[in-house]
């Protein structure tokens, strides 16, 4: 099964545990699922650009992310980054504070999304490999 993402990007339905649920969602909510995939690929590209700039050391904090202690250290650092973004959202959305740093809400959502995936990679001990 292949589902078209854009003119040049494809996602194989056979890569999913339950391709039938993906097909159903895409049929029932074509615009939502297309937008989700567009954002997902945009997030991946953002991740790759940041990896090019920073490398894995900014997350692994100089470790190899192999031991449980290394993973805990990296996840703790990610917790602080995620917490900063959540507090930023709170300030801008809940409290209504102005943006004074030039980071849009979309930028904040993107960072949260990427940090969540990075945390899973770290937890699976695959970071920087």
N, C-alpha and C. Protein backbone atom coordinates (compact mmCIF):
# COMPACT_ATOMS: atom_id res chain seq x y z
N UNK A 1 0.84 -1.19 0.00
CA UNK A 1 0.00 0.00 0.00
C UNK A 1 0.87 1.24 0.00
N UNK A 2 0.52 2.22 -0.80
CA UNK A 2 1.25 3.48 -0.81
C UNK A 2 0.23 4.60 -0.69
N UNK A 3 0.50 5.54 0.18
CA UNK A 3 -0.37 6.70 0.26
C UNK A 3 0.46 7.92 -0.11
N UNK A 4 -0.05 8.74 -1.00
CA UNK A 4 0.69 9.88 -1.50
C UNK A 4 0.67 11.01 -0.48
N UNK A 5 1.84 11.55 -0.14
CA UNK A 5 1.95 12.67 0.78
C UNK A 5 2.00 13.98 0.02
N UNK A 6 2.87 14.06 -0.93
CA UNK A 6 2.99 15.23 -1.80
C UNK A 6 3.35 14.68 -3.16
N UNK A 7 3.73 15.54 -4.06
CA UNK A 7 4.09 15.07 -5.39
C UNK A 7 5.29 14.13 -5.37
N UNK A 8 6.17 14.27 -4.38
CA UNK A 8 7.39 13.47 -4.37
C UNK A 8 7.57 12.61 -3.12
N UNK A 9 6.72 12.76 -2.12
CA UNK A 9 6.89 12.02 -0.87
C UNK A 9 5.79 10.99 -0.71
N UNK A 10 6.18 9.78 -0.34
CA UNK A 10 5.23 8.70 -0.17
C UNK A 10 5.45 8.02 1.18
N UNK A 11 4.36 7.53 1.73
CA UNK A 11 4.44 6.76 2.96
C UNK A 11 3.87 5.38 2.67
N UNK A 12 4.61 4.35 2.97
CA UNK A 12 4.14 3.00 2.72
C UNK A 12 3.18 2.57 3.81
N UNK A 13 1.96 2.22 3.42
CA UNK A 13 0.99 1.73 4.41
C UNK A 13 1.47 0.44 5.04
N UNK A 14 2.27 -0.33 4.33
CA UNK A 14 2.75 -1.60 4.87
C UNK A 14 3.68 -1.39 6.06
N UNK A 15 4.13 -0.15 6.31
CA UNK A 15 4.98 0.13 7.46
C UNK A 15 4.19 0.25 8.76
N UNK A 16 2.88 0.28 8.69
CA UNK A 16 2.05 0.46 9.87
C UNK A 16 1.65 -0.89 10.46
N UNK A 17 1.47 -0.92 11.78
CA UNK A 17 0.97 -2.13 12.43
C UNK A 17 -0.45 -2.44 11.98
N UNK A 18 -1.25 -1.40 11.77
CA UNK A 18 -2.64 -1.57 11.37
C UNK A 18 -2.95 -0.65 10.19
N UNK A 19 -2.54 -1.05 8.97
CA UNK A 19 -2.74 -0.17 7.82
C UNK A 19 -4.21 0.15 7.55
N UNK A 20 -5.11 -0.74 7.96
CA UNK A 20 -6.53 -0.49 7.68
C UNK A 20 -7.04 0.73 8.45
N UNK A 21 -6.55 0.97 9.65
CA UNK A 21 -6.99 2.14 10.42
C UNK A 21 -6.45 3.42 9.79
N UNK A 22 -5.26 3.35 9.22
CA UNK A 22 -4.68 4.50 8.52
C UNK A 22 -5.52 4.80 7.28
N UNK A 23 -5.83 3.78 6.52
CA UNK A 23 -6.65 3.97 5.32
C UNK A 23 -8.01 4.55 5.68
N UNK A 24 -8.62 4.06 6.75
CA UNK A 24 -9.92 4.56 7.19
C UNK A 24 -9.85 6.04 7.57
N UNK A 25 -8.85 6.40 8.36
CA UNK A 25 -8.69 7.80 8.77
C UNK A 25 -8.45 8.70 7.55
N UNK A 26 -7.64 8.23 6.62
CA UNK A 26 -7.36 9.02 5.42
C UNK A 26 -8.60 9.19 4.55
N UNK A 27 -9.45 8.18 4.56
CA UNK A 27 -10.69 8.26 3.78
C UNK A 27 -11.69 9.20 4.46
N UNK A 28 -11.83 9.08 5.77
CA UNK A 28 -12.82 9.89 6.50
C UNK A 28 -12.37 11.33 6.71
N UNK A 29 -11.06 11.53 6.86
CA UNK A 29 -10.53 12.86 7.17
C UNK A 29 -9.36 13.20 6.25
N UNK A 30 -9.62 13.31 4.95
CA UNK A 30 -8.51 13.48 4.02
C UNK A 30 -7.70 14.76 4.23
N UNK A 31 -8.34 15.87 4.51
CA UNK A 31 -7.60 17.11 4.70
C UNK A 31 -6.79 17.09 5.99
N UNK A 32 -7.39 16.56 7.06
CA UNK A 32 -6.69 16.48 8.34
C UNK A 32 -5.48 15.57 8.24
N UNK A 33 -5.65 14.39 7.65
CA UNK A 33 -4.53 13.46 7.56
C UNK A 33 -3.45 13.97 6.61
N UNK A 34 -3.85 14.64 5.54
CA UNK A 34 -2.85 15.22 4.63
C UNK A 34 -2.05 16.31 5.33
N UNK A 35 -2.73 17.13 6.12
CA UNK A 35 -2.04 18.19 6.84
C UNK A 35 -1.13 17.61 7.92
N UNK A 36 -1.57 16.54 8.58
CA UNK A 36 -0.74 15.88 9.58
C UNK A 36 0.56 15.40 8.94
N UNK A 37 0.44 14.75 7.80
CA UNK A 37 1.63 14.23 7.11
C UNK A 37 2.54 15.36 6.62
N UNK A 38 1.94 16.44 6.13
CA UNK A 38 2.75 17.58 5.69
C UNK A 38 3.56 18.13 6.86
N UNK A 39 2.90 18.30 8.00
CA UNK A 39 3.58 18.82 9.18
C UNK A 39 4.64 17.83 9.67
N UNK A 40 4.31 16.54 9.63
CA UNK A 40 5.24 15.52 10.08
C UNK A 40 6.54 15.58 9.28
N UNK A 41 6.44 15.71 7.97
CA UNK A 41 7.65 15.79 7.14
C UNK A 41 8.38 17.11 7.36
N UNK A 42 7.64 18.17 7.59
CA UNK A 42 8.26 19.45 7.92
C UNK A 42 9.03 19.33 9.24
N UNK A 43 8.46 18.62 10.21
CA UNK A 43 9.13 18.39 11.49
C UNK A 43 10.42 17.60 11.30
N UNK A 44 10.36 16.58 10.44
CA UNK A 44 11.54 15.76 10.20
C UNK A 44 12.65 16.60 9.57
N UNK A 45 12.28 17.45 8.63
CA UNK A 45 13.27 18.32 8.01
C UNK A 45 13.87 19.29 9.03
N UNK A 46 13.04 19.84 9.92
CA UNK A 46 13.52 20.71 10.99
C UNK A 46 14.51 19.95 11.88
N UNK A 47 14.15 18.74 12.26
CA UNK A 47 15.03 17.90 13.06
C UNK A 47 16.38 17.73 12.36
N UNK A 48 16.36 17.40 11.08
CA UNK A 48 17.61 17.20 10.32
C UNK A 48 18.44 18.47 10.26
N UNK A 49 17.79 19.63 10.06
CA UNK A 49 18.53 20.90 10.05
C UNK A 49 19.19 21.16 11.40
N UNK A 50 18.46 20.91 12.48
CA UNK A 50 19.02 21.16 13.81
C UNK A 50 20.13 20.16 14.13
N UNK A 51 19.98 18.92 13.68
CA UNK A 51 21.06 17.95 13.87
C UNK A 51 22.32 18.40 13.14
N UNK A 52 22.13 18.98 11.96
CA UNK A 52 23.26 19.49 11.20
C UNK A 52 23.96 20.61 11.94
N UNK A 53 23.20 21.44 12.61
CA UNK A 53 23.76 22.56 13.38
C UNK A 53 24.38 22.13 14.71
N UNK A 54 23.68 21.27 15.45
CA UNK A 54 24.08 20.96 16.83
C UNK A 54 24.76 19.61 17.01
N UNK A 55 24.42 18.64 16.17
CA UNK A 55 24.90 17.29 16.40
C UNK A 55 24.18 16.68 17.59
N UNK A 56 24.52 15.47 17.97
CA UNK A 56 23.80 14.80 19.06
C UNK A 56 24.21 15.25 20.46
N UNK A 57 25.34 15.94 20.58
CA UNK A 57 25.87 16.29 21.90
C UNK A 57 25.01 17.22 22.72
N UNK A 58 24.18 18.04 22.06
CA UNK A 58 23.34 18.94 22.83
C UNK A 58 22.27 18.19 23.61
N UNK A 59 21.91 17.02 23.17
CA UNK A 59 20.92 16.20 23.86
C UNK A 59 21.61 15.18 24.77
N UNK A 60 22.69 14.57 24.29
CA UNK A 60 23.36 13.52 25.06
C UNK A 60 24.26 14.09 26.17
N UNK A 61 24.46 15.38 26.16
CA UNK A 61 25.25 16.08 27.19
C UNK A 61 26.62 15.43 27.35
N UNK A 62 27.24 15.10 26.23
CA UNK A 62 28.59 14.55 26.26
C UNK A 62 28.66 13.06 26.55
N UNK A 63 27.52 12.41 26.74
CA UNK A 63 27.52 10.97 26.99
C UNK A 63 27.22 10.24 25.68
N UNK A 64 27.21 8.92 25.74
CA UNK A 64 26.86 8.12 24.57
C UNK A 64 25.42 7.64 24.62
N UNK A 65 24.69 8.04 25.65
CA UNK A 65 23.27 7.65 25.83
C UNK A 65 23.10 6.13 25.79
N UNK A 66 24.02 5.43 26.43
CA UNK A 66 23.92 3.97 26.45
C UNK A 66 23.46 3.45 27.80
N UNK A 67 23.99 4.04 28.87
CA UNK A 67 23.61 3.55 30.20
C UNK A 67 22.30 4.20 30.63
N UNK A 68 21.67 3.59 31.62
CA UNK A 68 20.43 4.16 32.16
C UNK A 68 20.68 5.55 32.75
N UNK A 69 21.85 5.76 33.35
CA UNK A 69 22.18 7.07 33.92
C UNK A 69 22.33 8.12 32.81
N UNK A 70 22.96 7.73 31.70
CA UNK A 70 23.09 8.64 30.55
C UNK A 70 21.72 9.03 30.01
N UNK A 71 20.87 8.04 29.87
CA UNK A 71 19.52 8.28 29.35
C UNK A 71 18.76 9.20 30.29
N UNK A 72 18.87 8.95 31.59
CA UNK A 72 18.17 9.80 32.56
C UNK A 72 18.66 11.24 32.48
N UNK A 73 19.96 11.43 32.33
CA UNK A 73 20.51 12.78 32.20
C UNK A 73 19.96 13.47 30.96
N UNK A 74 19.95 12.78 29.84
CA UNK A 74 19.44 13.35 28.60
C UNK A 74 17.95 13.65 28.69
N UNK A 75 17.19 12.72 29.26
CA UNK A 75 15.74 12.94 29.42
C UNK A 75 15.45 14.09 30.37
N UNK A 76 16.30 14.26 31.36
CA UNK A 76 16.13 15.40 32.28
C UNK A 76 16.35 16.71 31.54
N UNK A 77 17.38 16.76 30.71
CA UNK A 77 17.61 17.94 29.89
C UNK A 77 16.45 18.22 28.96
N UNK A 78 15.91 17.17 28.37
CA UNK A 78 14.75 17.33 27.50
C UNK A 78 13.54 17.81 28.28
N UNK A 79 13.39 17.32 29.50
CA UNK A 79 12.28 17.77 30.34
C UNK A 79 12.36 19.29 30.54
N UNK A 80 13.56 19.81 30.80
CA UNK A 80 13.71 21.25 30.98
C UNK A 80 13.35 22.01 29.70
N UNK A 81 13.80 21.50 28.56
CA UNK A 81 13.48 22.15 27.28
C UNK A 81 11.97 22.15 27.03
N UNK A 82 11.36 20.99 27.26
CA UNK A 82 9.90 20.87 27.06
C UNK A 82 9.16 21.77 28.04
N UNK A 83 9.61 21.80 29.27
CA UNK A 83 8.98 22.66 30.28
C UNK A 83 9.07 24.14 29.88
N UNK A 84 10.21 24.56 29.36
CA UNK A 84 10.34 25.94 28.86
C UNK A 84 9.30 26.23 27.79
N UNK A 85 9.11 25.30 26.86
CA UNK A 85 8.15 25.50 25.78
C UNK A 85 6.71 25.53 26.30
N UNK A 86 6.40 24.66 27.24
CA UNK A 86 5.06 24.63 27.84
C UNK A 86 4.78 25.96 28.55
N UNK A 87 5.78 26.45 29.28
CA UNK A 87 5.59 27.74 29.97
C UNK A 87 5.45 28.88 28.97
N UNK A 88 6.14 28.79 27.86
CA UNK A 88 5.98 29.79 26.81
C UNK A 88 4.56 29.79 26.28
N UNK A 89 4.02 28.59 26.01
CA UNK A 89 2.63 28.49 25.55
C UNK A 89 1.67 29.06 26.60
N UNK A 90 1.92 28.74 27.84
CA UNK A 90 1.07 29.26 28.93
C UNK A 90 1.06 30.78 28.91
N UNK A 91 2.24 31.36 28.79
CA UNK A 91 2.34 32.83 28.78
C UNK A 91 1.58 33.44 27.61
N UNK A 92 1.75 32.86 26.45
CA UNK A 92 1.17 33.45 25.25
C UNK A 92 -0.32 33.12 25.07
N UNK A 93 -0.72 31.88 25.37
CA UNK A 93 -2.10 31.47 25.11
C UNK A 93 -3.00 31.74 26.31
N UNK A 94 -2.60 31.27 27.48
CA UNK A 94 -3.44 31.37 28.67
C UNK A 94 -3.43 32.78 29.24
N UNK A 95 -2.25 33.33 29.41
CA UNK A 95 -2.10 34.64 30.04
C UNK A 95 -2.26 35.76 29.02
N UNK A 96 -1.91 35.48 27.77
CA UNK A 96 -2.05 36.48 26.72
C UNK A 96 -0.86 37.41 26.60
N UNK A 97 0.29 36.99 27.09
CA UNK A 97 1.50 37.82 27.01
C UNK A 97 1.98 37.91 25.57
N UNK A 98 2.60 39.02 25.25
CA UNK A 98 3.17 39.24 23.92
C UNK A 98 4.45 38.44 23.73
N UNK A 99 4.71 38.10 22.48
CA UNK A 99 5.98 37.48 22.14
C UNK A 99 7.06 38.55 22.11
N UNK A 100 8.10 38.36 22.90
CA UNK A 100 9.20 39.32 22.93
C UNK A 100 10.52 38.72 22.47
N UNK A 101 10.48 37.49 21.97
CA UNK A 101 11.73 36.84 21.57
C UNK A 101 11.75 36.45 20.08
N UNK A 102 10.67 36.68 19.38
CA UNK A 102 10.64 36.37 17.95
C UNK A 102 10.38 34.92 17.63
N UNK A 103 9.80 34.17 18.56
CA UNK A 103 9.46 32.77 18.32
C UNK A 103 7.95 32.65 18.25
N UNK A 104 7.45 32.23 17.12
CA UNK A 104 6.01 32.12 16.93
C UNK A 104 5.44 30.92 17.70
N UNK A 105 4.12 30.90 17.82
CA UNK A 105 3.48 29.73 18.42
C UNK A 105 3.79 28.47 17.61
N UNK A 106 3.81 28.60 16.30
CA UNK A 106 4.15 27.44 15.46
C UNK A 106 5.55 26.94 15.76
N UNK A 107 6.50 27.85 15.94
CA UNK A 107 7.86 27.44 16.30
C UNK A 107 7.86 26.65 17.61
N UNK A 108 7.07 27.12 18.56
CA UNK A 108 7.00 26.45 19.86
C UNK A 108 6.37 25.07 19.72
N UNK A 109 5.29 24.97 18.96
CA UNK A 109 4.68 23.66 18.72
C UNK A 109 5.65 22.71 18.03
N UNK A 110 6.39 23.23 17.06
CA UNK A 110 7.37 22.40 16.35
C UNK A 110 8.43 21.88 17.31
N UNK A 111 8.95 22.76 18.15
CA UNK A 111 9.97 22.33 19.11
C UNK A 111 9.43 21.26 20.05
N UNK A 112 8.21 21.45 20.53
CA UNK A 112 7.61 20.45 21.43
C UNK A 112 7.47 19.10 20.73
N UNK A 113 7.02 19.13 19.50
CA UNK A 113 6.84 17.90 18.75
C UNK A 113 8.16 17.18 18.56
N UNK A 114 9.18 17.91 18.13
CA UNK A 114 10.49 17.30 17.89
C UNK A 114 11.10 16.81 19.19
N UNK A 115 11.00 17.58 20.28
CA UNK A 115 11.53 17.13 21.57
C UNK A 115 10.86 15.84 22.02
N UNK A 116 9.56 15.71 21.78
CA UNK A 116 8.86 14.49 22.15
C UNK A 116 9.39 13.27 21.42
N UNK A 117 9.69 13.43 20.15
CA UNK A 117 10.25 12.31 19.38
C UNK A 117 11.68 12.04 19.81
N UNK A 118 12.46 13.09 20.02
CA UNK A 118 13.83 12.91 20.48
C UNK A 118 13.85 12.15 21.81
N UNK A 119 12.93 12.49 22.71
CA UNK A 119 12.86 11.79 24.00
C UNK A 119 12.64 10.29 23.81
N UNK A 120 11.80 9.93 22.86
CA UNK A 120 11.56 8.52 22.59
C UNK A 120 12.81 7.84 22.02
N UNK A 121 13.53 8.55 21.16
CA UNK A 121 14.77 8.01 20.59
C UNK A 121 15.80 7.79 21.70
N UNK A 122 15.93 8.79 22.59
CA UNK A 122 16.85 8.68 23.73
C UNK A 122 16.45 7.50 24.61
N UNK A 123 15.17 7.43 24.94
CA UNK A 123 14.68 6.35 25.80
C UNK A 123 14.96 4.98 25.20
N UNK A 124 14.90 4.89 23.88
CA UNK A 124 15.17 3.62 23.18
C UNK A 124 16.67 3.38 22.96
N UNK A 125 17.50 4.28 23.49
CA UNK A 125 18.96 4.21 23.39
C UNK A 125 19.45 4.16 21.94
N UNK A 126 18.81 4.95 21.10
CA UNK A 126 19.19 5.04 19.69
C UNK A 126 19.75 6.41 19.34
N UNK A 127 19.84 7.31 20.32
CA UNK A 127 20.26 8.68 20.04
C UNK A 127 21.72 8.74 19.60
N UNK A 128 22.00 9.47 18.54
CA UNK A 128 23.35 9.69 18.05
C UNK A 128 23.99 8.49 17.38
N UNK A 129 23.19 7.53 17.05
CA UNK A 129 23.71 6.31 16.43
C UNK A 129 23.28 6.23 14.98
